[in-house]
Amino acid sequence: MAKTNLSTKKYTPKKKAIVPRGKYEAEFVRPRFDNEVTIRALADELLQEYSESDEIWLQDFFIPRKITRKQIMQMRNKSEYFAEVYSLCKDIQESRLFHAGLDNKGNIQQIIFALKNVSMWRNEPPASAEEPAPATVVLKPKQLAESDDNAKD
């Protein structure tokens, strides 16, 4: 009986290393707001939606859009228009927090904490521009009495 050379193995290509990717990596890493036009459109949407809604927390606008604080800072640095709109929305947020505290619309400790952290409110008055001059200490040399043993040297 003659041997037949039949190969039962199929050719398999070399396996490439699998680099795991996050499910939402493209939404976070890809620059979605990299030009002035898209940043201005987002700023207009931010001002319109936030000023018309009753939301207190400004970050609630950005969370559903998967926009991180880092991306907000990059947009503020890139676009002066976005920076001004964002600053105005922060002022609206401060006002809403203040009025929520006055009207007892929430936990007053939480509102105070938010005002201190978000709007930089403090219990202490700011340091005055006229600081008192620092005290100066002048040391005079020690005078030795004639009766002192060290004075006779």
N, C-alpha and C. Protein backbone atom coordinates (compact mmCIF):
# COMPACT_ATOMS: atom_id res chain seq x y z
N MET A 1 0.83 -1.15 0.00
CA MET A 1 0.00 0.00 0.00
C MET A 1 0.90 1.23 0.00
N ALA A 2 0.61 2.13 -0.84
CA ALA A 2 1.41 3.33 -0.98
C ALA A 2 0.89 4.41 -0.05
N LYS A 3 1.82 5.12 0.51
CA LYS A 3 1.43 6.22 1.39
C LYS A 3 1.09 7.46 0.55
N THR A 4 0.00 8.05 0.90
CA THR A 4 -0.34 9.31 0.24
C THR A 4 -0.09 10.43 1.24
N ASN A 5 0.45 11.49 0.75
CA ASN A 5 0.79 12.62 1.60
C ASN A 5 -0.38 13.62 1.59
N LEU A 6 -1.34 13.39 2.44
CA LEU A 6 -2.46 14.29 2.57
C LEU A 6 -2.32 15.06 3.87
N SER A 7 -2.31 16.35 3.76
CA SER A 7 -2.21 17.18 4.95
C SER A 7 -3.61 17.60 5.36
N THR A 8 -3.93 17.33 6.60
CA THR A 8 -5.26 17.68 7.09
C THR A 8 -5.28 19.06 7.75
N LYS A 9 -4.11 19.61 7.98
CA LYS A 9 -4.05 20.93 8.59
C LYS A 9 -4.24 22.01 7.53
N LYS A 10 -5.06 23.01 7.89
CA LYS A 10 -5.25 24.16 7.03
C LYS A 10 -4.26 25.23 7.44
N TYR A 11 -3.96 26.09 6.51
CA TYR A 11 -3.04 27.18 6.81
C TYR A 11 -3.73 28.19 7.72
N THR A 12 -3.09 28.50 8.82
CA THR A 12 -3.62 29.51 9.73
C THR A 12 -2.62 30.66 9.80
N PRO A 13 -3.11 31.88 9.62
CA PRO A 13 -2.18 33.02 9.68
C PRO A 13 -1.72 33.25 11.12
N LYS A 14 -0.60 33.94 11.23
CA LYS A 14 -0.09 34.24 12.55
C LYS A 14 -1.09 35.14 13.28
N LYS A 15 -1.25 34.85 14.53
CA LYS A 15 -2.17 35.64 15.33
C LYS A 15 -1.50 36.94 15.74
N LYS A 16 -2.26 38.01 15.62
CA LYS A 16 -1.75 39.30 16.05
C LYS A 16 -2.11 39.50 17.51
N ALA A 17 -1.28 40.28 18.17
CA ALA A 17 -1.55 40.58 19.57
C ALA A 17 -2.84 41.41 19.64
N ILE A 18 -3.71 41.03 20.52
CA ILE A 18 -4.97 41.73 20.68
C ILE A 18 -4.78 42.82 21.72
N VAL A 19 -5.02 44.05 21.31
CA VAL A 19 -4.92 45.18 22.21
C VAL A 19 -6.34 45.52 22.63
N PRO A 20 -6.62 45.37 23.90
CA PRO A 20 -8.01 45.65 24.31
C PRO A 20 -8.32 47.14 24.18
N ARG A 21 -9.51 47.41 23.69
CA ARG A 21 -9.99 48.79 23.56
C ARG A 21 -11.20 48.94 24.44
N GLY A 22 -11.31 50.11 25.01
CA GLY A 22 -12.48 50.41 25.81
C GLY A 22 -13.70 50.57 24.91
N LYS A 23 -14.84 50.27 25.45
CA LYS A 23 -16.08 50.34 24.68
C LYS A 23 -16.36 51.76 24.21
N TYR A 24 -16.05 52.74 25.04
CA TYR A 24 -16.33 54.14 24.72
C TYR A 24 -15.06 54.92 24.40
N GLU A 25 -13.99 54.23 24.08
CA GLU A 25 -12.71 54.90 23.88
C GLU A 25 -12.76 55.93 22.76
N ALA A 26 -13.44 55.62 21.68
CA ALA A 26 -13.50 56.55 20.55
C ALA A 26 -14.23 57.84 20.93
N GLU A 27 -15.20 57.74 21.83
CA GLU A 27 -15.95 58.93 22.23
C GLU A 27 -15.15 59.84 23.15
N PHE A 28 -14.23 59.27 23.91
CA PHE A 28 -13.46 60.09 24.85
C PHE A 28 -12.15 60.58 24.25
N VAL A 29 -11.47 59.72 23.54
CA VAL A 29 -10.13 60.03 23.06
C VAL A 29 -10.16 60.85 21.78
N ARG A 30 -11.06 60.53 20.88
CA ARG A 30 -11.14 61.23 19.60
C ARG A 30 -11.52 62.69 19.85
N PRO A 31 -10.81 63.61 19.27
CA PRO A 31 -11.14 65.02 19.51
C PRO A 31 -12.44 65.40 18.80
N ARG A 32 -13.52 65.48 19.55
CA ARG A 32 -14.81 65.82 18.96
C ARG A 32 -14.97 67.32 18.82
N PHE A 33 -14.34 68.06 19.68
CA PHE A 33 -14.48 69.51 19.69
C PHE A 33 -13.12 70.13 19.43
N ASP A 34 -12.64 69.91 18.21
CA ASP A 34 -11.28 70.36 17.90
C ASP A 34 -11.24 71.60 17.03
N ASN A 35 -12.40 72.13 16.62
CA ASN A 35 -12.37 73.36 15.83
C ASN A 35 -13.36 74.36 16.41
N GLU A 36 -13.20 75.60 16.01
CA GLU A 36 -13.97 76.70 16.57
C GLU A 36 -15.46 76.57 16.28
N VAL A 37 -15.82 76.02 15.13
CA VAL A 37 -17.23 75.93 14.74
C VAL A 37 -17.99 74.99 15.67
N THR A 38 -17.44 73.81 15.93
CA THR A 38 -18.14 72.86 16.80
C THR A 38 -18.14 73.33 18.25
N ILE A 39 -17.09 74.01 18.67
CA ILE A 39 -17.03 74.53 20.04
C ILE A 39 -18.06 75.64 20.22
N ARG A 40 -18.21 76.52 19.24
CA ARG A 40 -19.21 77.59 19.31
C ARG A 40 -20.63 77.01 19.33
N ALA A 41 -20.85 75.98 18.52
CA ALA A 41 -22.18 75.36 18.50
C ALA A 41 -22.51 74.74 19.86
N LEU A 42 -21.51 74.11 20.48
CA LEU A 42 -21.73 73.54 21.81
C LEU A 42 -21.97 74.64 22.83
N ALA A 43 -21.25 75.75 22.73
CA ALA A 43 -21.43 76.87 23.65
C ALA A 43 -22.83 77.45 23.53
N ASP A 44 -23.33 77.60 22.30
CA ASP A 44 -24.69 78.10 22.10
C ASP A 44 -25.72 77.15 22.71
N GLU A 45 -25.52 75.86 22.48
CA GLU A 45 -26.42 74.85 23.05
C GLU A 45 -26.36 74.86 24.58
N LEU A 46 -25.17 75.01 25.13
CA LEU A 46 -25.00 75.07 26.57
C LEU A 46 -25.77 76.24 27.17
N LEU A 47 -25.59 77.42 26.62
CA LEU A 47 -26.25 78.60 27.16
C LEU A 47 -27.76 78.50 27.02
N GLN A 48 -28.23 78.04 25.89
CA GLN A 48 -29.67 77.95 25.68
C GLN A 48 -30.31 76.93 26.62
N GLU A 49 -29.75 75.73 26.65
CA GLU A 49 -30.36 74.67 27.47
C GLU A 49 -30.23 74.95 28.97
N TYR A 50 -29.06 75.44 29.39
CA TYR A 50 -28.86 75.63 30.83
C TYR A 50 -29.65 76.81 31.36
N SER A 51 -29.78 77.87 30.56
CA SER A 51 -30.53 79.03 31.04
C SER A 51 -32.03 78.77 31.04
N GLU A 52 -32.51 77.89 30.16
CA GLU A 52 -33.94 77.59 30.11
C GLU A 52 -34.36 76.51 31.10
N SER A 53 -33.45 75.68 31.52
CA SER A 53 -33.80 74.59 32.42
C SER A 53 -33.74 75.04 33.88
N ASP A 54 -34.21 74.18 34.77
CA ASP A 54 -34.15 74.46 36.20
C ASP A 54 -33.03 73.69 36.88
N GLU A 55 -32.15 73.08 36.10
CA GLU A 55 -31.05 72.31 36.67
C GLU A 55 -30.14 73.23 37.48
N ILE A 56 -29.73 72.74 38.62
CA ILE A 56 -28.79 73.51 39.42
C ILE A 56 -27.36 73.19 39.01
N TRP A 57 -27.09 71.92 38.77
CA TRP A 57 -25.72 71.49 38.56
C TRP A 57 -25.35 71.60 37.09
N LEU A 58 -24.34 72.40 36.78
CA LEU A 58 -23.91 72.65 35.41
C LEU A 58 -23.36 71.39 34.75
N GLN A 59 -22.71 70.56 35.51
CA GLN A 59 -22.09 69.35 34.96
C GLN A 59 -23.12 68.39 34.38
N ASP A 60 -24.39 68.53 34.79
CA ASP A 60 -25.44 67.67 34.25
C ASP A 60 -25.66 67.90 32.76
N PHE A 61 -25.25 69.02 32.23
CA PHE A 61 -25.32 69.26 30.79
C PHE A 61 -24.26 68.42 30.06
N PHE A 62 -23.09 68.29 30.64
CA PHE A 62 -21.96 67.64 29.96
C PHE A 62 -21.96 66.12 30.11
N ILE A 63 -22.48 65.60 31.20
CA ILE A 63 -22.40 64.16 31.45
C ILE A 63 -23.09 63.33 30.37
N PRO A 64 -24.34 63.63 29.96
CA PRO A 64 -24.94 62.80 28.90
C PRO A 64 -24.20 62.89 27.57
N ARG A 65 -23.45 63.96 27.35
CA ARG A 65 -22.71 64.13 26.11
C ARG A 65 -21.31 63.52 26.20
N LYS A 66 -21.00 62.92 27.35
CA LYS A 66 -19.70 62.28 27.60
C LYS A 66 -18.55 63.27 27.39
N ILE A 67 -18.71 64.47 27.95
CA ILE A 67 -17.67 65.48 27.88
C ILE A 67 -17.05 65.59 29.27
N THR A 68 -15.77 65.35 29.37
CA THR A 68 -15.07 65.33 30.64
C THR A 68 -14.61 66.74 31.02
N ARG A 69 -14.21 66.90 32.26
CA ARG A 69 -13.68 68.20 32.72
C ARG A 69 -12.43 68.59 31.96
N LYS A 70 -11.62 67.60 31.61
CA LYS A 70 -10.40 67.86 30.85
C LYS A 70 -10.76 68.43 29.48
N GLN A 71 -11.77 67.87 28.85
CA GLN A 71 -12.19 68.39 27.54
C GLN A 71 -12.79 69.78 27.66
N ILE A 72 -13.51 70.04 28.76
CA ILE A 72 -14.06 71.38 28.98
C ILE A 72 -12.92 72.39 29.09
N MET A 73 -11.89 72.05 29.84
CA MET A 73 -10.75 72.96 30.00
C MET A 73 -10.05 73.19 28.66
N GLN A 74 -9.93 72.16 27.84
CA GLN A 74 -9.30 72.32 26.53
C GLN A 74 -10.13 73.25 25.65
N MET A 75 -11.46 73.11 25.71
CA MET A 75 -12.32 73.99 24.91
C MET A 75 -12.26 75.43 25.42
N ARG A 76 -12.17 75.61 26.74
CA ARG A 76 -12.05 76.96 27.30
C ARG A 76 -10.75 77.61 26.84
N ASN A 77 -9.68 76.84 26.76
CA ASN A 77 -8.39 77.38 26.31
C ASN A 77 -8.38 77.66 24.82
N LYS A 78 -9.15 76.89 24.05
CA LYS A 78 -9.15 77.01 22.60
C LYS A 78 -10.06 78.13 22.10
N SER A 79 -11.19 78.35 22.81
CA SER A 79 -12.19 79.30 22.31
C SER A 79 -12.54 80.31 23.40
N GLU A 80 -12.33 81.58 23.10
CA GLU A 80 -12.69 82.63 24.04
C GLU A 80 -14.21 82.72 24.21
N TYR A 81 -14.94 82.46 23.12
CA TYR A 81 -16.40 82.49 23.17
C TYR A 81 -16.93 81.42 24.13
N PHE A 82 -16.40 80.21 24.02
CA PHE A 82 -16.83 79.14 24.92
C PHE A 82 -16.47 79.48 26.36
N ALA A 83 -15.31 80.08 26.57
CA ALA A 83 -14.88 80.44 27.92
C ALA A 83 -15.84 81.45 28.54
N GLU A 84 -16.30 82.43 27.76
CA GLU A 84 -17.23 83.43 28.28
C GLU A 84 -18.61 82.82 28.56
N VAL A 85 -19.08 81.97 27.66
CA VAL A 85 -20.39 81.32 27.88
C VAL A 85 -20.32 80.41 29.10
N TYR A 86 -19.23 79.68 29.23
CA TYR A 86 -19.06 78.78 30.38
C TYR A 86 -19.02 79.58 31.68
N SER A 87 -18.33 80.72 31.66
CA SER A 87 -18.25 81.57 32.85
C SER A 87 -19.64 82.10 33.22
N LEU A 88 -20.42 82.50 32.23
CA LEU A 88 -21.78 82.96 32.49
C LEU A 88 -22.63 81.84 33.08
N CYS A 89 -22.49 80.64 32.57
CA CYS A 89 -23.25 79.49 33.10
C CYS A 89 -22.82 79.17 34.53
N LYS A 90 -21.53 79.34 34.84
CA LYS A 90 -21.08 79.15 36.22
C LYS A 90 -21.71 80.19 37.14
N ASP A 91 -21.88 81.43 36.65
CA ASP A 91 -22.54 82.47 37.44
C ASP A 91 -24.02 82.13 37.66
N ILE A 92 -24.66 81.59 36.62
CA ILE A 92 -26.06 81.15 36.76
C ILE A 92 -26.15 80.04 37.80
N GLN A 93 -25.20 79.11 37.75
CA GLN A 93 -25.18 78.01 38.71
C GLN A 93 -25.01 78.54 40.13
N GLU A 94 -24.12 79.50 40.33
CA GLU A 94 -23.92 80.08 41.65
C GLU A 94 -25.20 80.74 42.15
N SER A 95 -25.87 81.46 41.27
CA SER A 95 -27.12 82.12 41.65
C SER A 95 -28.20 81.10 42.01
N ARG A 96 -28.28 80.03 41.24
CA ARG A 96 -29.28 78.99 41.53
C ARG A 96 -28.99 78.29 42.85
N LEU A 97 -27.72 78.04 43.12
CA LEU A 97 -27.36 77.43 44.40
C LEU A 97 -27.72 78.36 45.55
N PHE A 98 -27.43 79.64 45.41
CA PHE A 98 -27.73 80.61 46.45
C PHE A 98 -29.24 80.69 46.72
N HIS A 99 -30.02 80.78 45.66
CA HIS A 99 -31.47 80.87 45.82
C HIS A 99 -32.07 79.56 46.35
N ALA A 100 -31.47 78.45 46.00
CA ALA A 100 -31.93 77.17 46.55
C ALA A 100 -31.69 77.13 48.06
N GLY A 101 -30.59 77.72 48.51
CA GLY A 101 -30.32 77.79 49.94
C GLY A 101 -31.28 78.73 50.65
N LEU A 102 -31.59 79.86 50.03
CA LEU A 102 -32.52 80.81 50.64
C LEU A 102 -33.95 80.27 50.70
N ASP A 103 -34.33 79.53 49.67
CA ASP A 103 -35.70 79.03 49.59
C ASP A 103 -35.86 77.65 50.22
N ASN A 104 -34.81 77.13 50.88
CA ASN A 104 -34.83 75.79 51.49
C ASN A 104 -35.27 74.72 50.51
N LYS A 105 -34.68 74.73 49.32
CA LYS A 105 -35.00 73.74 48.29
C LYS A 105 -34.06 72.54 48.32
N GLY A 106 -33.34 72.39 49.38
CA GLY A 106 -32.41 71.27 49.45
C GLY A 106 -31.73 71.25 50.80
N ASN A 107 -30.80 70.34 50.92
CA ASN A 107 -30.02 70.22 52.14
C ASN A 107 -29.08 71.43 52.22
N ILE A 108 -29.25 72.24 53.24
CA ILE A 108 -28.50 73.49 53.34
C ILE A 108 -27.00 73.24 53.47
N GLN A 109 -26.59 72.16 54.15
CA GLN A 109 -25.16 71.87 54.26
C GLN A 109 -24.57 71.52 52.90
N GLN A 110 -25.33 70.80 52.10
CA GLN A 110 -24.84 70.44 50.77
C GLN A 110 -24.73 71.69 49.89
N ILE A 111 -25.69 72.60 50.02
CA ILE A 111 -25.64 73.83 49.23
C ILE A 111 -24.45 74.69 49.65
N ILE A 112 -24.21 74.79 50.96
CA ILE A 112 -23.04 75.55 51.44
C ILE A 112 -21.76 74.93 50.94
N PHE A 113 -21.68 73.60 51.01
CA PHE A 113 -20.49 72.90 50.52
C PHE A 113 -20.28 73.16 49.03
N ALA A 114 -21.37 73.13 48.26
CA ALA A 114 -21.26 73.38 46.82
C ALA A 114 -20.81 74.81 46.55
N LEU A 115 -21.37 75.77 47.27
CA LEU A 115 -20.97 77.16 47.06
C LEU A 115 -19.51 77.39 47.42
N LYS A 116 -19.04 76.72 48.46
CA LYS A 116 -17.64 76.88 48.84
C LYS A 116 -16.70 76.26 47.81
N ASN A 117 -17.08 75.13 47.24
CA ASN A 117 -16.19 74.43 46.32
C ASN A 117 -16.34 74.88 44.87
N VAL A 118 -17.56 75.13 44.44
CA VAL A 118 -17.79 75.50 43.05
C VAL A 118 -17.58 76.98 42.83
N SER A 119 -18.07 77.79 43.76
CA SER A 119 -18.04 79.24 43.56
C SER A 119 -17.01 79.95 44.42
N MET A 120 -16.19 79.19 45.13
CA MET A 120 -15.10 79.73 45.95
C MET A 120 -15.59 80.67 47.05
N TRP A 121 -16.75 80.39 47.61
CA TRP A 121 -17.22 81.16 48.76
C TRP A 121 -16.42 80.74 49.97
N ARG A 122 -16.14 81.66 50.88
CA ARG A 122 -15.36 81.38 52.08
C ARG A 122 -16.00 82.05 53.28
N ASN A 123 -15.74 81.51 54.47
CA ASN A 123 -16.23 82.10 55.71
C ASN A 123 -15.33 83.26 56.15
N GLU A 124 -14.06 83.20 55.84
CA GLU A 124 -13.11 84.22 56.25
C GLU A 124 -13.14 85.37 55.26
N PRO A 125 -12.97 86.58 55.75
CA PRO A 125 -12.87 87.70 54.81
C PRO A 125 -11.55 87.61 54.05
N PRO A 126 -11.52 88.16 52.85
CA PRO A 126 -10.26 88.09 52.09
C PRO A 126 -9.19 88.93 52.77
N ALA A 127 -7.96 88.56 52.55
CA ALA A 127 -6.84 89.29 53.14
C ALA A 127 -6.82 90.70 52.57
N SER A 128 -6.61 91.67 53.44
CA SER A 128 -6.61 93.06 52.99
C SER A 128 -5.33 93.35 52.20
N ALA A 129 -5.41 94.36 51.37
CA ALA A 129 -4.26 94.72 50.55
C ALA A 129 -3.16 95.34 51.41
N GLU A 130 -3.55 95.99 52.51
CA GLU A 130 -2.57 96.62 53.38
C GLU A 130 -2.21 95.67 54.51
N GLU A 131 -1.23 94.88 54.26
CA GLU A 131 -0.75 93.95 55.26
C GLU A 131 0.07 94.73 56.29
N PRO A 132 -0.04 94.40 57.55
CA PRO A 132 0.82 95.08 58.53
C PRO A 132 2.28 94.71 58.28
N ALA A 133 3.12 95.69 58.51
CA ALA A 133 4.55 95.47 58.30
C ALA A 133 5.04 94.42 59.30
N PRO A 134 5.90 93.54 58.86
CA PRO A 134 6.40 92.52 59.79
C PRO A 134 7.24 93.17 60.90
N ALA A 135 7.14 92.61 62.08
CA ALA A 135 7.90 93.13 63.22
C ALA A 135 9.37 92.83 63.02
N THR A 136 10.19 93.80 63.38
CA THR A 136 11.63 93.59 63.28
C THR A 136 12.20 93.49 64.69
N VAL A 137 13.08 92.56 64.85
CA VAL A 137 13.72 92.35 66.14
C VAL A 137 15.17 92.80 66.02
N VAL A 138 15.59 93.69 66.91
CA VAL A 138 16.95 94.19 66.90
C VAL A 138 17.66 93.65 68.13
N LEU A 139 18.76 92.98 67.91
CA LEU A 139 19.53 92.43 69.02
C LEU A 139 20.73 93.34 69.28
N LYS A 140 20.86 93.74 70.51
CA LYS A 140 21.99 94.58 70.90
C LYS A 140 23.04 93.69 71.57
N PRO A 141 24.29 94.04 71.40
CA PRO A 141 25.32 93.22 72.04
C PRO A 141 25.18 93.29 73.56
N LYS A 142 25.52 92.19 74.18
CA LYS A 142 25.41 92.10 75.63
C LYS A 142 26.54 92.90 76.29
N GLN A 143 26.14 93.76 77.20
CA GLN A 143 27.14 94.53 77.92
C GLN A 143 27.54 93.72 79.16
N LEU A 144 28.81 93.62 79.34
CA LEU A 144 29.31 92.85 80.47
C LEU A 144 29.62 93.80 81.64
N ALA A 145 29.25 93.35 82.76
CA ALA A 145 29.55 94.16 83.96
C ALA A 145 31.02 93.98 84.32
N GLU A 146 31.59 94.96 85.00
CA GLU A 146 32.99 94.87 85.40
C GLU A 146 33.22 93.74 86.38
N SER A 147 32.18 93.38 87.10
CA SER A 147 32.35 92.31 88.08
C SER A 147 32.29 90.91 87.42
N ASP A 148 31.95 90.89 86.15
CA ASP A 148 31.82 89.60 85.45
C ASP A 148 33.21 89.07 85.15
N ASP A 149 33.42 87.77 85.36
CA ASP A 149 34.71 87.15 85.12
C ASP A 149 35.13 87.23 83.65
N ASN A 150 34.18 87.18 82.74
CA ASN A 150 34.50 87.20 81.30
C ASN A 150 34.93 88.58 80.84
N ALA A 151 34.59 89.64 81.56
CA ALA A 151 34.95 91.00 81.16
C ALA A 151 36.42 91.28 81.36
N LYS A 152 37.10 90.51 82.17
CA LYS A 152 38.49 90.79 82.47
C LYS A 152 39.43 90.29 81.39
N ASP A 153 38.98 89.58 80.43
CA ASP A 153 39.86 89.03 79.39
C ASP A 153 40.34 90.05 78.49
